[in-house]
Amino acid sequence: MRGCKRKWDDSLKKLIEAQQMAALKDYQRYAVRCLQEARVVADSGHKAFLVEMAHAWQKLADQEMNRKGVQLASNSELDRGD
């Protein structure tokens, strides 16, 4: 019986880790997309909003990495999309 519980626990742990990694990648992708959009908009207010959103998405990604103990590859700030 313990073997089944252990396998279940291991499977559940792997599933949770996969979901967290997917969320992390989504956050990073959203940040990049906001910066891409910021590069092409003419309105400075809209550009500033998109850059702010990119920073918010990146902050979520950083928090997820820190929570998981993932080493940050770079602590450089996001490109502001100028």
C-alpha atoms as a PDB file:
ATOM      1  CA  MET A   1       0.000   0.000   0.000  1.00  0.00           C
ATOM      2  CA  ARG A   2       2.840   2.393   0.756  1.00  0.00           C
ATOM      3  CA  GLY A   3       4.232   1.840  -2.738  1.00  0.00           C
ATOM      4  CA  CYS A   4       0.982   3.004  -4.319  1.00  0.00           C
ATOM      5  CA  LYS A   5       0.835   6.104  -2.138  1.00  0.00           C
ATOM      6  CA  ARG A   6       4.439   6.950  -2.930  1.00  0.00           C
ATOM      7  CA  LYS A   7       3.845   6.555  -6.677  1.00  0.00           C
ATOM      8  CA  TRP A   8       0.730   8.710  -6.364  1.00  0.00           C
ATOM      9  CA  ASP A   9       2.637  11.372  -4.431  1.00  0.00           C
ATOM     10  CA  ASP A  10       5.463  11.347  -6.998  1.00  0.00           C
ATOM     11  CA  SER A  11       3.006  11.624  -9.891  1.00  0.00           C
ATOM     12  CA  LEU A  12       1.127  14.452  -8.219  1.00  0.00           C
ATOM     13  CA  LYS A  13       4.374  16.301  -7.502  1.00  0.00           C
ATOM     14  CA  LYS A  14       5.457  15.979 -11.150  1.00  0.00           C
ATOM     15  CA  LEU A  15       2.080  17.236 -12.359  1.00  0.00           C
ATOM     16  CA  ILE A  16       2.208  20.273 -10.075  1.00  0.00           C
ATOM     17  CA  GLU A  17       5.773  21.059 -11.151  1.00  0.00           C
ATOM     18  CA  ALA A  18       4.780  20.823 -14.828  1.00  0.00           C
ATOM     19  CA  GLN A  19       1.854  23.200 -14.269  1.00  0.00           C
ATOM     20  CA  GLN A  20       4.079  25.665 -12.429  1.00  0.00           C
ATOM     21  CA  MET A  21       6.668  25.575 -15.195  1.00  0.00           C
ATOM     22  CA  ALA A  22       3.919  26.155 -17.775  1.00  0.00           C
ATOM     23  CA  ALA A  23       2.703  29.173 -15.788  1.00  0.00           C
ATOM     24  CA  LEU A  24       6.253  30.506 -15.579  1.00  0.00           C
ATOM     25  CA  LYS A  25       6.690  30.215 -19.345  1.00  0.00           C
ATOM     26  CA  ASP A  26       3.301  31.863 -19.909  1.00  0.00           C
ATOM     27  CA  TYR A  27       4.266  34.819 -17.695  1.00  0.00           C
ATOM     28  CA  GLN A  28       7.536  35.230 -19.571  1.00  0.00           C
ATOM     29  CA  ARG A  29       5.779  34.993 -22.935  1.00  0.00           C
ATOM     30  CA  TYR A  30       3.226  37.633 -21.883  1.00  0.00           C
ATOM     31  CA  ALA A  31       6.022  39.984 -20.795  1.00  0.00           C
ATOM     32  CA  VAL A  32       7.776  39.606 -24.133  1.00  0.00           C
ATOM     33  CA  ARG A  33       4.530  40.150 -26.034  1.00  0.00           C
ATOM     34  CA  CYS A  34       3.825  43.372 -24.132  1.00  0.00           C
ATOM     35  CA  LEU A  35       7.295  44.672 -25.005  1.00  0.00           C
ATOM     36  CA  GLN A  36       6.844  43.712 -28.649  1.00  0.00           C
ATOM     37  CA  GLU A  37       3.597  45.648 -28.758  1.00  0.00           C
ATOM     38  CA  ALA A  38       5.186  48.607 -26.943  1.00  0.00           C
ATOM     39  CA  ARG A  39       7.796  48.880 -29.688  1.00  0.00           C
ATOM     40  CA  VAL A  40       5.202  49.450 -32.389  1.00  0.00           C
ATOM     41  CA  VAL A  41       2.564  51.665 -30.756  1.00  0.00           C
ATOM     42  CA  ALA A  42       2.761  55.369 -31.410  1.00  0.00           C
ATOM     43  CA  ASP A  43       0.828  56.570 -28.369  1.00  0.00           C
ATOM     44  CA  SER A  44       3.238  57.204 -25.482  1.00  0.00           C
ATOM     45  CA  GLY A  45       0.562  56.491 -22.871  1.00  0.00           C
ATOM     46  CA  HIS A  46      -0.248  53.140 -24.421  1.00  0.00           C
ATOM     47  CA  LYS A  47       3.479  52.365 -24.714  1.00  0.00           C
ATOM     48  CA  ALA A  48       4.006  53.174 -21.029  1.00  0.00           C
ATOM     49  CA  PHE A  49       1.067  50.971 -20.070  1.00  0.00           C
ATOM     50  CA  LEU A  50       2.444  48.039 -22.084  1.00  0.00           C
ATOM     51  CA  VAL A  51       5.900  48.418 -20.537  1.00  0.00           C
ATOM     52  CA  GLU A  52       4.305  48.520 -17.080  1.00  0.00           C
ATOM     53  CA  MET A  53       2.353  45.352 -17.893  1.00  0.00           C
ATOM     54  CA  ALA A  54       5.538  43.664 -19.114  1.00  0.00           C
ATOM     55  CA  HIS A  55       7.204  44.450 -15.798  1.00  0.00           C
ATOM     56  CA  ALA A  56       4.205  43.048 -13.914  1.00  0.00           C
ATOM     57  CA  TRP A  57       4.308  39.788 -15.923  1.00  0.00           C
ATOM     58  CA  GLN A  58       8.064  39.523 -15.428  1.00  0.00           C
ATOM     59  CA  LYS A  59       7.647  40.098 -11.696  1.00  0.00           C
ATOM     60  CA  LEU A  60       5.201  37.172 -11.579  1.00  0.00           C
ATOM     61  CA  ALA A  61       7.697  35.041 -13.512  1.00  0.00           C
ATOM     62  CA  ASP A  62      10.498  36.027 -11.125  1.00  0.00           C
ATOM     63  CA  GLN A  63       8.338  35.201  -8.113  1.00  0.00           C
ATOM     64  CA  GLU A  64       7.527  31.804  -9.591  1.00  0.00           C
ATOM     65  CA  MET A  65      11.206  31.121 -10.262  1.00  0.00           C
ATOM     66  CA  ASN A  66      12.185  32.185  -6.753  1.00  0.00           C
ATOM     67  CA  ARG A  67       9.411  30.085  -5.231  1.00  0.00           C
ATOM     68  CA  LYS A  68      10.629  27.057  -7.158  1.00  0.00           C
ATOM     69  CA  GLY A  69      14.254  27.834  -6.351  1.00  0.00           C
ATOM     70  CA  VAL A  70      15.142  28.301  -9.998  1.00  0.00           C
ATOM     71  CA  GLN A  71      18.326  30.273 -10.464  1.00  0.00           C
ATOM     72  CA  LEU A  72      17.743  33.446 -12.429  1.00  0.00           C
ATOM     73  CA  ALA A  73      19.809  33.448 -15.598  1.00  0.00           C
ATOM     74  CA  SER A  74      20.006  37.217 -15.571  1.00  0.00           C
ATOM     75  CA  ASN A  75      18.912  39.901 -13.164  1.00  0.00           C
ATOM     76  CA  SER A  76      19.037  42.547 -15.878  1.00  0.00           C
ATOM     77  CA  GLU A  77      16.008  44.750 -16.211  1.00  0.00           C
ATOM     78  CA  LEU A  78      13.549  44.235 -19.010  1.00  0.00           C
ATOM     79  CA  ASP A  79      14.107  46.094 -22.224  1.00  0.00           C
ATOM     80  CA  ARG A  80      11.753  49.050 -21.983  1.00  0.00           C
ATOM     81  CA  GLY A  81      10.554  48.640 -25.570  1.00  0.00           C
ATOM     82  CA  ASP A  82      11.894  51.992 -26.767  1.00  0.00           C
END
